[in-house]
Amino acid sequence: MNSFTLCPSILSADFARLREQIQEVEAAGADWIHVDVMDGHFVPNLTMGPFIVETIRRITQLPIDAHLMVTDPDRMIPWYAAAGATNLSVQIETCPHIYRTIQVIRDAGCRPGVVLNPGTPAEAIEEVLPLVDVVLVMTVNPGFSGQTFIPAMLSKIERVSRLIEKTNSQAQIQVDGGNDASN
């Protein structure tokens, strides 16, 4: 039997009602709160700074899962860790020194994750799988909410699962983008 962790994103939240909306997803069974951090460089949009994570931390005790869609995650990791993030996931495409980045995340007291864009092969993360707690497979192109799930990503999720088994990793697979009851 599969075990699932429900991690709603606040990207679509009404920020005038952030406390109420976080409480609603908690009551509905959310396990984590997901925060999409975009820098306007790696992806075209600009979103959530550490202040939002600090605010969320004051509202909830749920783990805060921050996805850093940024060109220079090493610089930002301490900010989000200090703000109260539990998990920090970085794009493999922006981390030329991924071993160091993962260590920086651990040293900051957070659980490290690595993220794969739709066009990045699953094998790009094989070497670091034993070192991470989360593998986030993007099932849309990052940067915009409301996109349609890319069905071809189902086979990538299966490949990631096999790689996790092969490397004896304990990483959880996270799926982000276009998810609904139909998929």
N, C-alpha and C. Protein backbone atom coordinates (compact mmCIF):
# COMPACT_ATOMS: atom_id res chain seq x y z
N MET A 1 0.84 -1.19 0.00
CA MET A 1 0.00 0.00 0.00
C MET A 1 0.88 1.25 0.00
N ASN A 2 0.51 2.22 -0.81
CA ASN A 2 1.27 3.46 -0.89
C ASN A 2 0.94 4.37 0.29
N SER A 3 1.93 5.13 0.69
CA SER A 3 1.74 6.12 1.73
C SER A 3 1.91 7.50 1.09
N PHE A 4 0.99 8.38 1.35
CA PHE A 4 1.02 9.70 0.74
C PHE A 4 1.14 10.78 1.79
N THR A 5 1.84 11.84 1.44
CA THR A 5 1.93 13.04 2.25
C THR A 5 1.27 14.15 1.47
N LEU A 6 0.26 14.77 2.03
CA LEU A 6 -0.45 15.85 1.36
C LEU A 6 0.22 17.17 1.71
N CYS A 7 0.64 17.87 0.67
CA CYS A 7 1.45 19.08 0.85
C CYS A 7 0.90 20.22 -0.01
N PRO A 8 -0.20 20.85 0.40
CA PRO A 8 -0.77 21.92 -0.43
C PRO A 8 0.15 23.14 -0.51
N SER A 9 0.18 23.71 -1.69
CA SER A 9 0.99 24.91 -1.94
C SER A 9 0.20 26.16 -1.57
N ILE A 10 0.88 27.14 -1.04
CA ILE A 10 0.21 28.40 -0.73
C ILE A 10 0.27 29.36 -1.91
N LEU A 11 0.82 28.92 -3.04
CA LEU A 11 0.94 29.79 -4.21
C LEU A 11 -0.41 30.36 -4.63
N SER A 12 -1.45 29.57 -4.47
CA SER A 12 -2.79 30.03 -4.87
C SER A 12 -3.59 30.62 -3.72
N ALA A 13 -2.97 30.78 -2.58
CA ALA A 13 -3.70 31.30 -1.41
C ALA A 13 -4.10 32.76 -1.60
N ASP A 14 -5.16 33.13 -0.93
CA ASP A 14 -5.55 34.53 -0.80
C ASP A 14 -4.79 35.04 0.41
N PHE A 15 -3.76 35.85 0.19
CA PHE A 15 -2.89 36.25 1.29
C PHE A 15 -3.57 37.17 2.30
N ALA A 16 -4.69 37.73 1.95
CA ALA A 16 -5.47 38.48 2.92
C ALA A 16 -6.12 37.54 3.92
N ARG A 17 -6.20 36.24 3.56
CA ARG A 17 -6.82 35.22 4.42
C ARG A 17 -5.85 34.08 4.69
N LEU A 18 -4.56 34.35 4.71
CA LEU A 18 -3.56 33.29 4.80
C LEU A 18 -3.75 32.42 6.05
N ARG A 19 -3.91 33.03 7.21
CA ARG A 19 -4.11 32.25 8.44
C ARG A 19 -5.31 31.31 8.30
N GLU A 20 -6.43 31.85 7.85
CA GLU A 20 -7.65 31.06 7.70
C GLU A 20 -7.45 29.93 6.68
N GLN A 21 -6.80 30.22 5.58
CA GLN A 21 -6.62 29.19 4.56
C GLN A 21 -5.65 28.10 5.01
N ILE A 22 -4.62 28.45 5.74
CA ILE A 22 -3.72 27.43 6.29
C ILE A 22 -4.47 26.57 7.31
N GLN A 23 -5.28 27.19 8.14
CA GLN A 23 -6.08 26.43 9.10
C GLN A 23 -7.07 25.50 8.39
N GLU A 24 -7.62 25.94 7.26
CA GLU A 24 -8.54 25.10 6.49
C GLU A 24 -7.83 23.87 5.94
N VAL A 25 -6.62 24.04 5.39
CA VAL A 25 -5.92 22.86 4.84
C VAL A 25 -5.43 21.95 5.96
N GLU A 26 -5.10 22.52 7.12
CA GLU A 26 -4.76 21.69 8.28
C GLU A 26 -5.95 20.82 8.66
N ALA A 27 -7.12 21.45 8.77
CA ALA A 27 -8.33 20.72 9.15
C ALA A 27 -8.71 19.67 8.12
N ALA A 28 -8.35 19.90 6.87
CA ALA A 28 -8.66 18.95 5.80
C ALA A 28 -7.65 17.81 5.73
N GLY A 29 -6.59 17.87 6.56
CA GLY A 29 -5.64 16.76 6.60
C GLY A 29 -4.29 17.01 5.98
N ALA A 30 -3.95 18.25 5.68
CA ALA A 30 -2.63 18.54 5.11
C ALA A 30 -1.54 18.07 6.07
N ASP A 31 -0.48 17.52 5.49
CA ASP A 31 0.67 17.06 6.28
C ASP A 31 1.79 18.09 6.33
N TRP A 32 2.00 18.80 5.23
CA TRP A 32 3.01 19.84 5.12
C TRP A 32 2.37 21.04 4.42
N ILE A 33 3.03 22.19 4.52
CA ILE A 33 2.67 23.37 3.74
C ILE A 33 3.82 23.61 2.75
N HIS A 34 3.47 23.70 1.46
CA HIS A 34 4.47 23.87 0.40
C HIS A 34 4.57 25.34 0.02
N VAL A 35 5.80 25.83 -0.09
CA VAL A 35 6.05 27.23 -0.45
C VAL A 35 6.90 27.25 -1.71
N ASP A 36 6.37 27.83 -2.78
CA ASP A 36 7.09 27.95 -4.05
C ASP A 36 7.85 29.27 -4.05
N VAL A 37 9.17 29.18 -4.00
CA VAL A 37 10.03 30.37 -3.99
C VAL A 37 10.58 30.55 -5.41
N MET A 38 10.28 31.68 -6.02
CA MET A 38 10.73 31.97 -7.38
C MET A 38 11.47 33.30 -7.39
N ASP A 39 12.58 33.35 -8.12
CA ASP A 39 13.45 34.53 -8.08
C ASP A 39 13.34 35.45 -9.29
N GLY A 40 12.51 35.11 -10.27
CA GLY A 40 12.42 35.94 -11.46
C GLY A 40 13.56 35.73 -12.44
N HIS A 41 14.48 34.80 -12.12
CA HIS A 41 15.62 34.50 -13.00
C HIS A 41 15.54 33.06 -13.50
N PHE A 42 15.57 32.10 -12.57
CA PHE A 42 15.46 30.70 -12.96
C PHE A 42 14.10 30.43 -13.57
N VAL A 43 13.09 31.01 -12.99
CA VAL A 43 11.74 31.00 -13.56
C VAL A 43 11.30 32.45 -13.68
N PRO A 44 10.38 32.76 -14.59
CA PRO A 44 10.05 34.16 -14.84
C PRO A 44 9.30 34.87 -13.72
N ASN A 45 8.63 34.14 -12.85
CA ASN A 45 7.86 34.79 -11.78
C ASN A 45 8.72 35.08 -10.56
N LEU A 46 8.22 35.95 -9.73
CA LEU A 46 8.86 36.33 -8.48
C LEU A 46 7.84 36.09 -7.37
N THR A 47 8.22 35.26 -6.37
CA THR A 47 7.27 34.95 -5.29
C THR A 47 7.95 34.97 -3.94
N MET A 48 7.45 34.26 -3.03
CA MET A 48 7.66 34.15 -1.60
C MET A 48 9.08 34.34 -1.07
N GLY A 49 9.25 35.38 -0.28
CA GLY A 49 10.51 35.57 0.42
C GLY A 49 10.47 34.92 1.79
N PRO A 50 11.58 34.98 2.51
CA PRO A 50 11.64 34.37 3.84
C PRO A 50 10.57 34.91 4.79
N PHE A 51 10.16 36.15 4.61
CA PHE A 51 9.13 36.73 5.48
C PHE A 51 7.85 35.90 5.43
N ILE A 52 7.50 35.38 4.26
CA ILE A 52 6.29 34.56 4.14
C ILE A 52 6.46 33.27 4.94
N VAL A 53 7.64 32.66 4.86
CA VAL A 53 7.90 31.44 5.64
C VAL A 53 7.81 31.75 7.13
N GLU A 54 8.37 32.87 7.57
CA GLU A 54 8.27 33.29 8.98
C GLU A 54 6.80 33.42 9.39
N THR A 55 6.00 34.03 8.53
CA THR A 55 4.58 34.22 8.82
C THR A 55 3.87 32.87 8.93
N ILE A 56 4.15 31.98 7.99
CA ILE A 56 3.54 30.65 8.02
C ILE A 56 3.94 29.91 9.28
N ARG A 57 5.20 30.03 9.67
CA ARG A 57 5.68 29.35 10.88
C ARG A 57 4.91 29.82 12.11
N ARG A 58 4.53 31.10 12.16
CA ARG A 58 3.75 31.61 13.29
C ARG A 58 2.31 31.09 13.26
N ILE A 59 1.83 30.69 12.08
CA ILE A 59 0.46 30.23 11.93
C ILE A 59 0.32 28.74 12.21
N THR A 60 1.31 27.94 11.84
CA THR A 60 1.17 26.49 11.90
C THR A 60 2.41 25.81 12.46
N GLN A 61 2.18 24.62 12.99
CA GLN A 61 3.28 23.77 13.42
C GLN A 61 3.60 22.69 12.37
N LEU A 62 2.81 22.65 11.28
CA LEU A 62 3.09 21.69 10.22
C LEU A 62 4.47 21.97 9.62
N PRO A 63 5.12 20.94 9.10
CA PRO A 63 6.39 21.17 8.40
C PRO A 63 6.17 22.11 7.21
N ILE A 64 7.15 22.98 7.00
CA ILE A 64 7.11 23.89 5.86
C ILE A 64 8.13 23.40 4.84
N ASP A 65 7.62 23.14 3.66
CA ASP A 65 8.38 22.55 2.56
C ASP A 65 8.64 23.65 1.53
N ALA A 66 9.87 24.17 1.49
CA ALA A 66 10.19 25.28 0.58
C ALA A 66 10.93 24.76 -0.65
N HIS A 67 10.39 25.07 -1.80
CA HIS A 67 10.97 24.70 -3.10
C HIS A 67 11.64 25.94 -3.67
N LEU A 68 12.97 25.93 -3.69
CA LEU A 68 13.74 27.09 -4.15
C LEU A 68 13.98 27.01 -5.66
N MET A 69 13.11 27.66 -6.42
CA MET A 69 13.27 27.75 -7.88
C MET A 69 14.06 29.02 -8.16
N VAL A 70 15.34 28.98 -7.81
CA VAL A 70 16.20 30.17 -7.84
C VAL A 70 17.55 29.82 -8.45
N THR A 71 18.23 30.82 -8.98
CA THR A 71 19.52 30.57 -9.62
C THR A 71 20.66 30.39 -8.63
N ASP A 72 20.53 30.92 -7.43
CA ASP A 72 21.61 30.83 -6.45
C ASP A 72 21.06 30.36 -5.10
N PRO A 73 20.66 29.09 -5.01
CA PRO A 73 20.04 28.62 -3.76
C PRO A 73 20.99 28.65 -2.57
N ASP A 74 22.28 28.43 -2.77
CA ASP A 74 23.22 28.41 -1.63
C ASP A 74 23.16 29.71 -0.83
N ARG A 75 22.98 30.82 -1.52
CA ARG A 75 22.91 32.12 -0.84
C ARG A 75 21.63 32.24 -0.01
N MET A 76 20.55 31.62 -0.47
CA MET A 76 19.24 31.80 0.17
C MET A 76 18.92 30.75 1.23
N ILE A 77 19.60 29.63 1.21
CA ILE A 77 19.30 28.55 2.16
C ILE A 77 19.28 29.04 3.60
N PRO A 78 20.29 29.78 4.06
CA PRO A 78 20.24 30.23 5.46
C PRO A 78 19.04 31.10 5.79
N TRP A 79 18.60 31.91 4.84
CA TRP A 79 17.45 32.79 5.07
C TRP A 79 16.19 31.97 5.33
N TYR A 80 15.94 30.96 4.50
CA TYR A 80 14.72 30.17 4.62
C TYR A 80 14.78 29.22 5.82
N ALA A 81 15.97 28.74 6.13
CA ALA A 81 16.12 27.90 7.32
C ALA A 81 15.83 28.73 8.57
N ALA A 82 16.41 29.91 8.65
CA ALA A 82 16.18 30.79 9.81
C ALA A 82 14.72 31.21 9.92
N ALA A 83 14.04 31.30 8.80
CA ALA A 83 12.63 31.71 8.81
C ALA A 83 11.71 30.60 9.28
N GLY A 84 12.20 29.34 9.31
CA GLY A 84 11.39 28.26 9.84
C GLY A 84 11.06 27.14 8.88
N ALA A 85 11.70 27.11 7.71
CA ALA A 85 11.46 26.00 6.78
C ALA A 85 11.95 24.70 7.40
N THR A 86 11.26 23.63 7.10
CA THR A 86 11.62 22.29 7.55
C THR A 86 12.41 21.57 6.47
N ASN A 87 11.87 21.61 5.25
CA ASN A 87 12.48 21.00 4.07
C ASN A 87 12.90 22.10 3.12
N LEU A 88 14.07 21.97 2.53
CA LEU A 88 14.51 22.89 1.49
C LEU A 88 14.91 22.07 0.27
N SER A 89 14.18 22.26 -0.82
CA SER A 89 14.46 21.53 -2.05
C SER A 89 15.02 22.49 -3.09
N VAL A 90 16.08 22.04 -3.76
CA VAL A 90 16.77 22.86 -4.76
C VAL A 90 16.72 22.18 -6.12
N GLN A 91 16.72 22.97 -7.15
CA GLN A 91 16.71 22.47 -8.52
C GLN A 91 18.09 21.93 -8.86
N ILE A 92 18.16 20.68 -9.31
CA ILE A 92 19.45 20.11 -9.70
C ILE A 92 20.08 20.96 -10.81
N GLU A 93 19.26 21.60 -11.63
CA GLU A 93 19.75 22.39 -12.75
C GLU A 93 20.52 23.63 -12.31
N THR A 94 20.34 24.08 -11.08
CA THR A 94 21.00 25.31 -10.61
C THR A 94 22.13 25.04 -9.63
N CYS A 95 22.46 23.78 -9.41
CA CYS A 95 23.41 23.44 -8.35
C CYS A 95 24.63 22.69 -8.91
N PRO A 96 25.63 23.43 -9.39
CA PRO A 96 26.81 22.75 -9.93
C PRO A 96 27.60 22.00 -8.85
N HIS A 97 27.41 22.38 -7.60
CA HIS A 97 28.11 21.73 -6.49
C HIS A 97 27.06 21.16 -5.53
N ILE A 98 26.26 20.23 -6.05
CA ILE A 98 25.09 19.73 -5.32
C ILE A 98 25.45 19.07 -3.99
N TYR A 99 26.60 18.40 -3.90
CA TYR A 99 26.98 17.80 -2.63
C TYR A 99 27.13 18.88 -1.56
N ARG A 100 27.79 19.97 -1.92
CA ARG A 100 27.97 21.08 -0.98
C ARG A 100 26.61 21.69 -0.62
N THR A 101 25.75 21.88 -1.61
CA THR A 101 24.43 22.47 -1.36
C THR A 101 23.63 21.62 -0.38
N ILE A 102 23.65 20.31 -0.59
CA ILE A 102 22.93 19.41 0.32
C ILE A 102 23.49 19.53 1.73
N GLN A 103 24.80 19.62 1.87
CA GLN A 103 25.41 19.76 3.19
C GLN A 103 25.04 21.10 3.84
N VAL A 104 24.99 22.16 3.04
CA VAL A 104 24.58 23.47 3.55
C VAL A 104 23.16 23.39 4.11
N ILE A 105 22.28 22.68 3.40
CA ILE A 105 20.89 22.53 3.87
C ILE A 105 20.87 21.76 5.18
N ARG A 106 21.58 20.65 5.25
CA ARG A 106 21.63 19.87 6.51
C ARG A 106 22.23 20.69 7.65
N ASP A 107 23.33 21.39 7.37
CA ASP A 107 23.97 22.21 8.40
C ASP A 107 23.05 23.30 8.91
N ALA A 108 22.11 23.74 8.07
CA ALA A 108 21.15 24.77 8.47
C ALA A 108 19.99 24.18 9.28
N GLY A 109 19.99 22.84 9.44
CA GLY A 109 18.97 22.20 10.25
C GLY A 109 17.72 21.78 9.48
N CYS A 110 17.82 21.73 8.16
CA CYS A 110 16.66 21.37 7.34
C CYS A 110 16.89 20.03 6.65
N ARG A 111 15.79 19.45 6.18
CA ARG A 111 15.83 18.22 5.39
C ARG A 111 16.05 18.61 3.94
N PRO A 112 17.10 18.08 3.28
CA PRO A 112 17.37 18.47 1.90
C PRO A 112 16.53 17.69 0.89
N GLY A 113 16.19 18.41 -0.18
CA GLY A 113 15.51 17.80 -1.31
C GLY A 113 16.15 18.27 -2.60
N VAL A 114 15.97 17.46 -3.64
CA VAL A 114 16.47 17.81 -4.96
C VAL A 114 15.30 17.73 -5.92
N VAL A 115 15.28 18.65 -6.89
CA VAL A 115 14.14 18.81 -7.79
C VAL A 115 14.57 18.58 -9.24
N LEU A 116 13.71 17.88 -9.98
CA LEU A 116 13.92 17.62 -11.40
C LEU A 116 12.87 18.32 -12.24
N ASN A 117 13.29 19.15 -13.17
CA ASN A 117 12.37 19.73 -14.14
C ASN A 117 11.91 18.65 -15.12
N PRO A 118 10.82 18.86 -15.84
CA PRO A 118 10.34 17.85 -16.77
C PRO A 118 11.39 17.40 -17.79
N GLY A 119 12.23 18.29 -18.27
CA GLY A 119 13.21 17.94 -19.28
C GLY A 119 14.52 17.39 -18.76
N THR A 120 14.66 17.30 -17.44
CA THR A 120 15.90 16.79 -16.84
C THR A 120 15.75 15.31 -16.55
N PRO A 121 16.69 14.49 -17.01
CA PRO A 121 16.56 13.04 -16.79
C PRO A 121 16.64 12.67 -15.31
N ALA A 122 15.90 11.64 -14.96
CA ALA A 122 15.91 11.14 -13.58
C ALA A 122 17.32 10.80 -13.12
N GLU A 123 18.12 10.30 -14.02
CA GLU A 123 19.47 9.87 -13.67
C GLU A 123 20.38 11.01 -13.21
N ALA A 124 19.99 12.25 -13.45
CA ALA A 124 20.79 13.41 -13.04
C ALA A 124 20.97 13.49 -11.52
N ILE A 125 20.09 12.82 -10.78
CA ILE A 125 20.16 12.90 -9.31
C ILE A 125 20.64 11.61 -8.66
N GLU A 126 20.95 10.60 -9.46
CA GLU A 126 21.27 9.29 -8.90
C GLU A 126 22.38 9.34 -7.86
N GLU A 127 23.43 10.09 -8.13
CA GLU A 127 24.58 10.13 -7.22
C GLU A 127 24.24 10.68 -5.84
N VAL A 128 23.24 11.55 -5.76
CA VAL A 128 22.94 12.19 -4.47
C VAL A 128 21.72 11.61 -3.77
N LEU A 129 21.07 10.63 -4.38
CA LEU A 129 19.87 10.07 -3.76
C LEU A 129 20.07 9.60 -2.32
N PRO A 130 21.19 8.95 -1.98
CA PRO A 130 21.35 8.55 -0.59
C PRO A 130 21.49 9.72 0.40
N LEU A 131 21.69 10.92 -0.12
CA LEU A 131 21.93 12.08 0.74
C LEU A 131 20.72 12.97 0.95
N VAL A 132 19.64 12.72 0.21
CA VAL A 132 18.48 13.61 0.30
C VAL A 132 17.29 12.92 0.94
N ASP A 133 16.39 13.72 1.45
CA ASP A 133 15.17 13.22 2.08
C ASP A 133 13.96 13.30 1.15
N VAL A 134 14.05 14.16 0.15
CA VAL A 134 12.93 14.38 -0.77
C VAL A 134 13.47 14.49 -2.19
N VAL A 135 12.74 13.87 -3.14
CA VAL A 135 12.97 14.08 -4.56
C VAL A 135 11.68 14.64 -5.12
N LEU A 136 11.73 15.85 -5.61
CA LEU A 136 10.56 16.50 -6.18
C LEU A 136 10.62 16.39 -7.69
N VAL A 137 9.64 15.72 -8.27
CA VAL A 137 9.53 15.59 -9.72
C VAL A 137 8.50 16.62 -10.18
N MET A 138 8.96 17.58 -10.96
CA MET A 138 8.05 18.58 -11.51
C MET A 138 7.26 17.94 -12.65
N THR A 139 5.95 18.03 -12.57
CA THR A 139 5.09 17.45 -13.59
C THR A 139 4.47 18.54 -14.47
N VAL A 140 5.00 19.74 -14.33
CA VAL A 140 4.74 20.88 -15.21
C VAL A 140 6.06 21.65 -15.29
N ASN A 141 6.16 22.57 -16.22
CA ASN A 141 7.33 23.43 -16.24
C ASN A 141 7.22 24.42 -15.09
N PRO A 142 8.26 24.56 -14.26
CA PRO A 142 8.13 25.38 -13.06
C PRO A 142 7.95 26.87 -13.38
N GLY A 143 7.24 27.52 -12.48
CA GLY A 143 7.13 28.97 -12.57
C GLY A 143 5.73 29.52 -12.67
N PHE A 144 4.75 28.70 -12.98
CA PHE A 144 3.38 29.18 -13.13
C PHE A 144 2.41 28.18 -12.54
N SER A 145 1.44 28.64 -11.78
CA SER A 145 0.43 27.73 -11.26
C SER A 145 -0.66 27.56 -12.31
N GLY A 146 -1.45 26.50 -12.14
CA GLY A 146 -2.58 26.27 -13.02
C GLY A 146 -2.25 25.55 -14.32
N GLN A 147 -1.04 25.00 -14.44
CA GLN A 147 -0.67 24.28 -15.66
C GLN A 147 -1.25 22.86 -15.66
N THR A 148 -1.26 22.26 -16.83
CA THR A 148 -1.76 20.91 -17.00
C THR A 148 -0.65 19.90 -16.76
N PHE A 149 -0.97 18.86 -16.02
CA PHE A 149 -0.06 17.75 -15.73
C PHE A 149 0.49 17.17 -17.03
N ILE A 150 1.80 16.92 -17.08
CA ILE A 150 2.44 16.32 -18.25
C ILE A 150 2.44 14.81 -18.05
N PRO A 151 1.59 14.07 -18.78
CA PRO A 151 1.47 12.62 -18.55
C PRO A 151 2.78 11.85 -18.67
N ALA A 152 3.70 12.30 -19.51
CA ALA A 152 4.98 11.60 -19.67
C ALA A 152 5.78 11.57 -18.37
N MET A 153 5.44 12.40 -17.42
CA MET A 153 6.18 12.43 -16.16
C MET A 153 5.88 11.21 -15.30
N LEU A 154 4.81 10.48 -15.59
CA LEU A 154 4.51 9.26 -14.83
C LEU A 154 5.66 8.25 -14.97
N SER A 155 6.21 8.11 -16.16
CA SER A 155 7.33 7.18 -16.33
C SER A 155 8.58 7.70 -15.62
N LYS A 156 8.75 9.02 -15.55
CA LYS A 156 9.89 9.57 -14.82
C LYS A 156 9.75 9.28 -13.33
N ILE A 157 8.55 9.40 -12.80
CA ILE A 157 8.32 9.09 -11.38
C ILE A 157 8.68 7.63 -11.11
N GLU A 158 8.30 6.75 -12.03
CA GLU A 158 8.67 5.33 -11.89
C GLU A 158 10.18 5.15 -11.92
N ARG A 159 10.88 5.86 -12.82
CA ARG A 159 12.35 5.76 -12.88
C ARG A 159 12.98 6.26 -11.59
N VAL A 160 12.47 7.36 -11.06
CA VAL A 160 13.00 7.88 -9.79
C VAL A 160 12.79 6.85 -8.69
N SER A 161 11.62 6.23 -8.66
CA SER A 161 11.34 5.21 -7.65
C SER A 161 12.34 4.06 -7.75
N ARG A 162 12.62 3.60 -8.96
CA ARG A 162 13.61 2.53 -9.15
C ARG A 162 15.01 2.96 -8.71
N LEU A 163 15.37 4.20 -9.01
CA LEU A 163 16.69 4.71 -8.59
C LEU A 163 16.79 4.80 -7.07
N ILE A 164 15.72 5.18 -6.43
CA ILE A 164 15.70 5.23 -4.96
C ILE A 164 15.94 3.84 -4.40
N GLU A 165 15.25 2.86 -4.95
CA GLU A 165 15.45 1.47 -4.50
C GLU A 165 16.88 1.01 -4.77
N LYS A 166 17.39 1.29 -5.96
CA LYS A 166 18.73 0.86 -6.37
C LYS A 166 19.82 1.43 -5.45
N THR A 167 19.63 2.68 -5.00
CA THR A 167 20.64 3.34 -4.18
C THR A 167 20.38 3.20 -2.68
N ASN A 168 19.34 2.44 -2.32
CA ASN A 168 18.95 2.27 -0.92
C ASN A 168 18.67 3.60 -0.23
N SER A 169 18.18 4.56 -0.98
CA SER A 169 17.83 5.86 -0.44
C SER A 169 16.52 5.75 0.34
N GLN A 170 16.35 6.62 1.29
CA GLN A 170 15.09 6.71 2.05
C GLN A 170 14.25 7.91 1.59
N ALA A 171 14.65 8.53 0.48
CA ALA A 171 13.97 9.74 0.00
C ALA A 171 12.51 9.48 -0.35
N GLN A 172 11.69 10.45 -0.03
CA GLN A 172 10.29 10.46 -0.44
C GLN A 172 10.21 11.08 -1.82
N ILE A 173 9.30 10.58 -2.64
CA ILE A 173 9.05 11.20 -3.94
C ILE A 173 7.91 12.19 -3.77
N GLN A 174 8.15 13.40 -4.24
CA GLN A 174 7.14 14.45 -4.21
C GLN A 174 6.82 14.80 -5.66
N VAL A 175 5.55 15.04 -5.96
CA VAL A 175 5.10 15.35 -7.31
C VAL A 175 4.43 16.72 -7.26
N ASP A 176 4.84 17.61 -8.17
CA ASP A 176 4.36 19.00 -8.12
C ASP A 176 3.95 19.47 -9.50
N GLY A 177 2.68 19.84 -9.63
CA GLY A 177 2.23 20.50 -10.83
C GLY A 177 1.08 19.80 -11.52
N GLY A 178 -0.04 20.49 -11.61
CA GLY A 178 -1.19 19.96 -12.34
C GLY A 178 -1.85 18.77 -11.68
N ASN A 179 -1.61 18.58 -10.41
CA ASN A 179 -2.18 17.42 -9.70
C ASN A 179 -3.62 17.69 -9.31
N ASP A 180 -4.46 16.69 -9.56
CA ASP A 180 -5.84 16.74 -9.12
C ASP A 180 -6.34 15.32 -8.94
N ALA A 181 -7.60 15.15 -8.65
CA ALA A 181 -8.16 13.83 -8.36
C ALA A 181 -8.03 12.87 -9.54
N SER A 182 -7.90 13.39 -10.77
CA SER A 182 -7.85 12.52 -11.94
C SER A 182 -6.48 11.89 -12.16
N ASN A 183 -5.43 12.44 -11.52
CA ASN A 183 -4.10 11.86 -11.75
C ASN A 183 -3.37 11.61 -10.44
